Protein backbone atom coordinates (compact mmCIF):
# COMPACT_ATOMS: atom_id res chain seq x y z
CA MET A 1 0.05 0.10 -0.32
CA LYS A 2 2.82 2.42 0.94
CA LEU A 3 4.63 1.45 -2.40
CA ARG A 4 1.52 2.16 -4.43
CA LYS A 5 1.04 5.81 -2.83
CA LYS A 6 4.69 6.40 -3.63
CA LEU A 7 4.26 5.43 -7.35
CA ARG A 8 1.01 7.25 -7.78
CA VAL A 9 2.42 10.69 -8.48
CA PRO A 10 5.09 9.38 -10.85
CA ILE A 11 2.75 7.10 -12.79
CA ILE A 12 -0.09 9.63 -13.22
CA THR A 13 2.66 12.25 -14.36
CA LEU A 14 4.72 9.70 -16.89
CA ILE A 15 1.41 8.41 -18.40
CA SER A 16 -0.39 11.97 -18.73
CA PHE A 17 2.95 13.42 -20.23
CA GLY A 18 2.85 10.54 -22.64
CA LEU A 19 -0.44 10.97 -23.57
CA PHE A 20 -0.09 14.55 -24.38
CA TYR A 21 2.96 13.67 -26.47
CA PHE A 22 0.72 11.14 -28.38
CA VAL A 23 -1.82 13.25 -28.88
CA ASP A 24 0.56 16.26 -29.93
CA GLU A 25 2.44 14.14 -32.57
CA LEU A 26 -0.74 12.86 -34.05
CA PHE A 27 -3.27 15.69 -34.04
CA PHE A 28 -1.35 18.89 -33.41
CA ASN A 29 -0.96 20.14 -36.94
CA SER A 30 -4.49 19.01 -37.88
CA ILE A 31 -6.13 21.13 -35.09
CA ARG A 32 -3.82 23.89 -35.93
CA ASN A 33 -4.83 24.04 -39.62
CA TRP A 34 -8.44 23.90 -38.72
CA PHE A 35 -8.39 26.73 -36.41
CA TYR A 36 -5.90 28.58 -38.94
CA ASN A 37 -8.98 28.17 -41.64
CA ILE A 38 -11.23 29.70 -39.00
CA THR A 39 -9.44 32.49 -37.74
CA GLY A 40 -6.71 33.22 -40.32
CA SER A 41 -4.06 33.37 -38.11
CA LEU A 42 -1.39 30.73 -37.86
CA GLY A 43 -0.19 32.03 -34.39
CA VAL A 44 -3.73 31.92 -32.95
CA GLY A 45 -4.50 28.28 -34.38
CA HIS A 46 -1.12 27.33 -32.70
CA ILE A 47 -1.83 28.84 -29.28
CA ILE A 48 -5.36 27.15 -29.42
CA SER A 49 -3.90 23.61 -30.52
CA TYR A 50 -1.53 23.77 -27.49
CA VAL A 51 -4.79 24.47 -25.29
CA ILE A 52 -6.39 21.31 -26.57
CA VAL A 53 -3.39 18.88 -26.95
CA GLY A 54 -2.61 19.73 -23.46
CA THR A 55 -5.83 18.26 -22.00
CA PRO A 56 -4.03 15.01 -20.82
CA ILE A 57 -1.62 17.51 -19.12
CA TYR A 58 -4.52 19.10 -16.95
CA LEU A 59 -6.28 16.08 -16.26
CA GLY A 60 -2.87 14.65 -14.89
CA ALA A 61 -2.51 17.77 -12.58
CA SER A 62 -5.97 17.44 -11.35
CA PHE A 63 -5.50 14.01 -10.09
CA VAL A 64 -2.33 15.14 -8.57
CA ALA A 65 -3.93 18.18 -7.11
CA ARG A 66 -7.11 16.62 -5.63
CA ASN A 67 -8.95 19.22 -3.69
CA GLU A 68 -6.51 21.94 -4.37
CA GLY A 69 -6.77 23.71 -7.96
CA ILE A 70 -4.48 22.58 -10.55
CA TRP A 71 -3.51 26.34 -11.38
CA THR A 72 -2.05 26.44 -7.85
CA LYS A 73 -0.23 23.07 -8.35
CA LEU A 74 1.11 24.45 -11.58
CA GLY A 75 2.50 27.55 -10.15
CA LEU A 76 0.12 29.97 -12.27
CA LYS A 77 -0.98 31.62 -9.26
CA ARG A 78 2.04 32.86 -7.94
CA SER A 79 2.95 36.32 -8.75
CA LEU A 80 2.93 37.46 -12.76
CA ILE A 81 4.41 40.82 -12.09
CA LEU A 82 7.45 39.41 -9.79
CA GLY A 83 8.23 36.79 -12.80
CA PHE A 84 8.13 39.38 -15.43
CA LEU A 85 10.28 41.95 -13.66
CA PHE A 86 12.86 39.30 -12.65
CA ALA A 87 13.16 38.06 -15.99
CA ALA A 88 13.20 41.72 -17.88
CA VAL A 89 16.17 42.16 -15.92
CA CYS A 90 17.99 39.03 -16.55
CA VAL A 91 17.49 39.38 -20.23
CA ILE A 92 18.60 42.96 -20.69
CA PRO A 93 22.29 41.99 -21.63
CA MET A 94 21.02 39.65 -24.65
CA PHE A 95 18.57 42.64 -25.99
CA LEU A 96 21.77 45.27 -25.66
CA GLY A 97 24.30 43.05 -27.09
CA PHE A 98 22.04 41.70 -29.77
CA SER A 99 20.99 45.02 -30.88
CA TYR A 100 24.72 45.84 -31.40
CA LEU A 101 25.96 42.87 -32.86
CA PHE A 102 22.95 41.66 -35.21
CA PRO A 103 20.38 43.34 -37.36
CA PHE A 104 17.04 44.11 -36.43
CA TYR A 105 14.38 41.50 -37.96
CA SER A 106 12.15 43.98 -39.37
CA ASP A 107 10.26 41.29 -41.04
CA ILE A 108 8.96 39.55 -38.03
CA GLY A 109 5.25 39.28 -37.81
CA ILE A 110 2.48 38.62 -35.24
CA ASP A 111 2.29 34.94 -36.01
CA ALA A 112 6.03 34.47 -35.47
CA ILE A 113 5.63 36.17 -32.07
CA LEU A 114 2.93 34.13 -31.10
CA ILE A 115 4.24 30.85 -32.13
CA LYS A 116 8.27 31.21 -31.23
CA VAL A 117 7.63 33.65 -27.93
CA ILE A 118 4.20 33.39 -26.42
CA ALA A 119 3.41 29.63 -27.21
CA ALA A 120 6.93 28.33 -27.00
CA GLY A 121 7.43 30.16 -23.82
CA PHE A 122 4.40 29.54 -21.81
CA PHE A 123 3.33 26.12 -22.93
CA GLU A 124 6.84 24.39 -22.97
CA GLU A 125 7.20 25.82 -19.28
CA LEU A 126 3.83 24.72 -18.18
CA PHE A 127 4.23 21.25 -19.57
CA PHE A 128 7.92 20.59 -19.17
CA ARG A 129 8.79 22.54 -16.17
CA ALA A 130 5.53 22.75 -13.98
CA PHE A 131 3.90 19.31 -14.91
CA LEU A 132 6.72 16.86 -15.59
CA PHE A 133 9.46 18.17 -13.69
CA GLY A 134 7.39 20.00 -10.90
CA MET A 135 5.05 16.87 -10.13
CA LEU A 136 7.90 14.61 -9.59
CA TYR A 137 10.12 17.22 -7.46
CA ARG A 138 7.23 18.49 -5.53
CA TYR A 139 5.14 15.55 -4.77
CA THR A 140 7.27 12.72 -4.58
CA ASN A 141 10.92 12.06 -2.80
CA LEU A 142 12.86 12.40 -5.52
CA GLY A 143 15.35 14.83 -5.50
CA PHE A 144 16.12 17.54 -8.35
CA ILE A 145 18.54 15.55 -10.53
CA PRO A 146 16.07 12.59 -10.76
CA SER A 147 13.36 14.81 -10.94
CA ILE A 148 14.65 16.93 -13.93
CA LEU A 149 16.89 14.51 -15.94
CA LEU A 150 13.88 12.81 -18.06
CA GLY A 151 12.40 16.29 -18.88
CA ALA A 152 15.72 17.84 -19.61
CA LEU A 153 16.58 14.97 -22.08
CA PHE A 154 13.41 15.03 -23.58
CA PHE A 155 13.23 18.84 -23.95
CA GLY A 156 16.68 18.73 -25.82
CA PHE A 157 15.37 15.78 -28.15
CA VAL A 158 12.16 17.56 -29.34
CA HIS A 159 14.62 20.56 -30.30
CA MET A 160 16.80 18.56 -32.54
CA TYR A 161 14.59 19.01 -35.43
CA GLN A 162 16.35 22.41 -36.00
CA SER A 163 19.14 20.82 -37.63
CA THR A 164 20.42 17.77 -39.68
CA GLU A 165 24.25 18.28 -39.16
CA PHE A 166 25.40 15.94 -36.18
CA ILE A 167 27.63 18.49 -34.63
CA GLU A 168 24.87 21.14 -34.72
CA LEU A 169 22.71 18.60 -33.36
CA LEU A 170 24.89 18.06 -30.31
CA GLY A 171 24.89 21.70 -29.89
CA ILE A 172 21.21 22.26 -30.18
CA PHE A 173 20.70 19.39 -27.63
CA GLY A 174 23.39 20.69 -25.25
CA VAL A 175 22.12 24.20 -25.14
CA THR A 176 18.17 23.09 -24.61
CA PHE A 177 19.19 20.35 -22.26
CA ILE A 178 21.29 22.80 -20.02
CA GLY A 179 18.25 25.55 -20.43
CA ALA A 180 15.98 23.03 -19.18
CA ILE A 181 17.87 22.51 -15.88
CA ILE A 182 18.43 26.36 -15.23
CA PHE A 183 14.72 27.21 -15.97
CA ALA A 184 13.90 24.15 -13.70
CA TRP A 185 16.02 25.85 -11.04
CA ALA A 186 14.72 29.19 -11.22
CA TYR A 187 11.08 27.80 -10.99
CA THR A 188 12.26 25.88 -7.89
CA GLU A 189 14.08 28.70 -6.04
CA TRP A 190 11.44 31.45 -6.90
CA GLN A 191 8.84 29.27 -4.60
CA PHE A 192 7.54 27.25 -7.74
CA ASN A 193 6.36 30.46 -9.70
CA ILE A 194 5.98 29.40 -13.25
CA TRP A 195 5.77 32.83 -14.35
CA VAL A 196 9.54 32.96 -13.72
CA PRO A 197 10.58 30.43 -16.30
CA ILE A 198 7.80 31.48 -18.77
CA PHE A 199 8.98 35.22 -18.87
CA LEU A 200 12.74 34.03 -19.23
CA HIS A 201 11.85 31.73 -22.02
CA MET A 202 9.68 34.22 -23.73
CA LEU A 203 12.16 37.15 -23.60
CA MET A 204 15.14 35.21 -24.51
CA ASN A 205 13.05 33.63 -27.45
CA LEU A 206 12.38 37.43 -28.32
CA ALA A 207 15.63 38.85 -28.13
CA TRP A 208 16.79 35.69 -30.35
CA ASP A 209 14.29 36.36 -33.13
CA LEU A 210 13.99 40.22 -32.93
CA PHE A 211 17.47 40.83 -33.70
CA ASN A 212 17.74 37.57 -36.12
CA VAL A 213 20.56 35.94 -34.29
CA SER A 214 20.27 32.51 -35.62
CA GLU A 215 17.91 30.31 -37.12
CA THR A 216 18.68 27.37 -34.48
CA ALA A 217 18.93 27.58 -30.67
CA LEU A 218 22.56 27.19 -30.86
CA GLY A 219 23.96 30.48 -32.17
CA ASP A 220 27.50 31.78 -32.48
CA THR A 221 29.98 32.57 -29.96
CA TYR A 222 28.89 36.32 -29.78
CA ALA A 223 25.45 35.36 -29.27
CA ASN A 224 26.35 32.98 -26.40
CA VAL A 225 28.27 35.67 -24.51
CA PHE A 226 25.48 37.41 -23.88
CA ARG A 227 23.30 34.52 -23.37
CA LEU A 228 25.92 33.40 -20.72
CA ILE A 229 25.63 36.82 -19.11
CA THR A 230 21.83 36.43 -18.83
CA ILE A 231 22.20 33.01 -17.22
CA ILE A 232 24.94 34.23 -14.79
CA LEU A 233 22.10 37.13 -13.73
CA ILE A 234 19.68 34.42 -13.24
CA PHE A 235 21.61 32.69 -10.64
CA LEU A 236 23.27 35.75 -9.17
CA ILE A 237 19.97 37.79 -8.79
CA THR A 238 18.06 34.76 -7.25
CA ILE A 239 20.90 34.03 -4.74
CA VAL A 240 21.29 37.82 -3.67
CA TYR A 241 17.41 37.72 -3.42
CA LYS A 242 17.16 34.91 -1.34
CA LYS A 243 20.09 35.83 0.84
CA LYS A 244 18.62 39.23 1.91
CA ARG A 245 15.19 37.70 2.67
CA GLY A 246 16.88 34.91 4.59
CA GLU A 247 15.23 32.38 2.66
CA LYS A 248 16.60 28.65 2.54
CA PHE A 249 17.63 27.37 -0.81
CA GLU A 250 15.38 24.72 -2.03
CA ILE A 251 18.17 23.01 -3.95
CA ASN A 252 20.50 21.84 -1.46
CA SER A 253 22.24 18.73 -0.44
CA GLU A 254 19.25 17.21 1.12
CA THR A 255 17.25 17.64 -2.09
CA ILE A 256 19.61 16.96 -4.92
CA TRP A 257 19.12 13.48 -5.09
CA ILE A 258 16.83 11.89 -3.07
CA LYS A 259 14.61 13.82 -0.29
CA LYS A 260 15.11 12.29 3.18
CA GLN A 261 11.82 13.87 4.36
CA LYS A 262 8.90 14.56 2.35
CA GLY A 263 8.45 18.36 1.64
CA SER A 264 5.57 20.66 2.48
CA ASP A 265 3.80 20.10 -0.83
CA GLU A 266 3.90 16.48 -0.69
CA ILE A 267 0.61 15.03 -1.01
């Protein structure tokens, strides 16, 4: 009975995410095209499609949440303003550096913004970080590394379509794999406020696309210098903020692998 209770959340999480991926692979494009024909906007169709194919995620979260709202469990009821302000400050180096190094992409349209910035930032963080990582880390005894490993590997895998060259594929996988870990860390340390990684993801993508940095997530050396500065700021500002408030770091020696005690969020 005790084992069944411990396995409940991992089983629900993995089955729900697997169903989401199955539905996404089979029906996403068809649903998007159907709504595109109705609305005349590929971006709007893209967002609506994510809302629909994400149904297994919402159901899975509701089973985990039980009597608590799924939006609370997914971190959506945390401060949106705080998440945006933190992300905006961290991403300033990318906007400044890219505006100096790369041409402004004047042809970027509303559909590109909706797809590459809004949808990618919101739904990828909601599904990968808040659900796949968050359910495992917050509601089981799994520590940070076991909880993020599967999601980070899969997150890197689903971005490998951006290139067919082996070396570039490895680079894209590495960048997105590391990005998944960083976003999960920020989500965790900001008291499971999913708006933090959502706005980080959105604004980093916006800077990347607005100045036509690269066709893929890899980028060149100069682009990655400014991306690295943003990553350093994510860690630095978070550490300073928590120390000034006297808050304990969520990710520590007791939570990195297996949590010795159930956290306050454990159900």
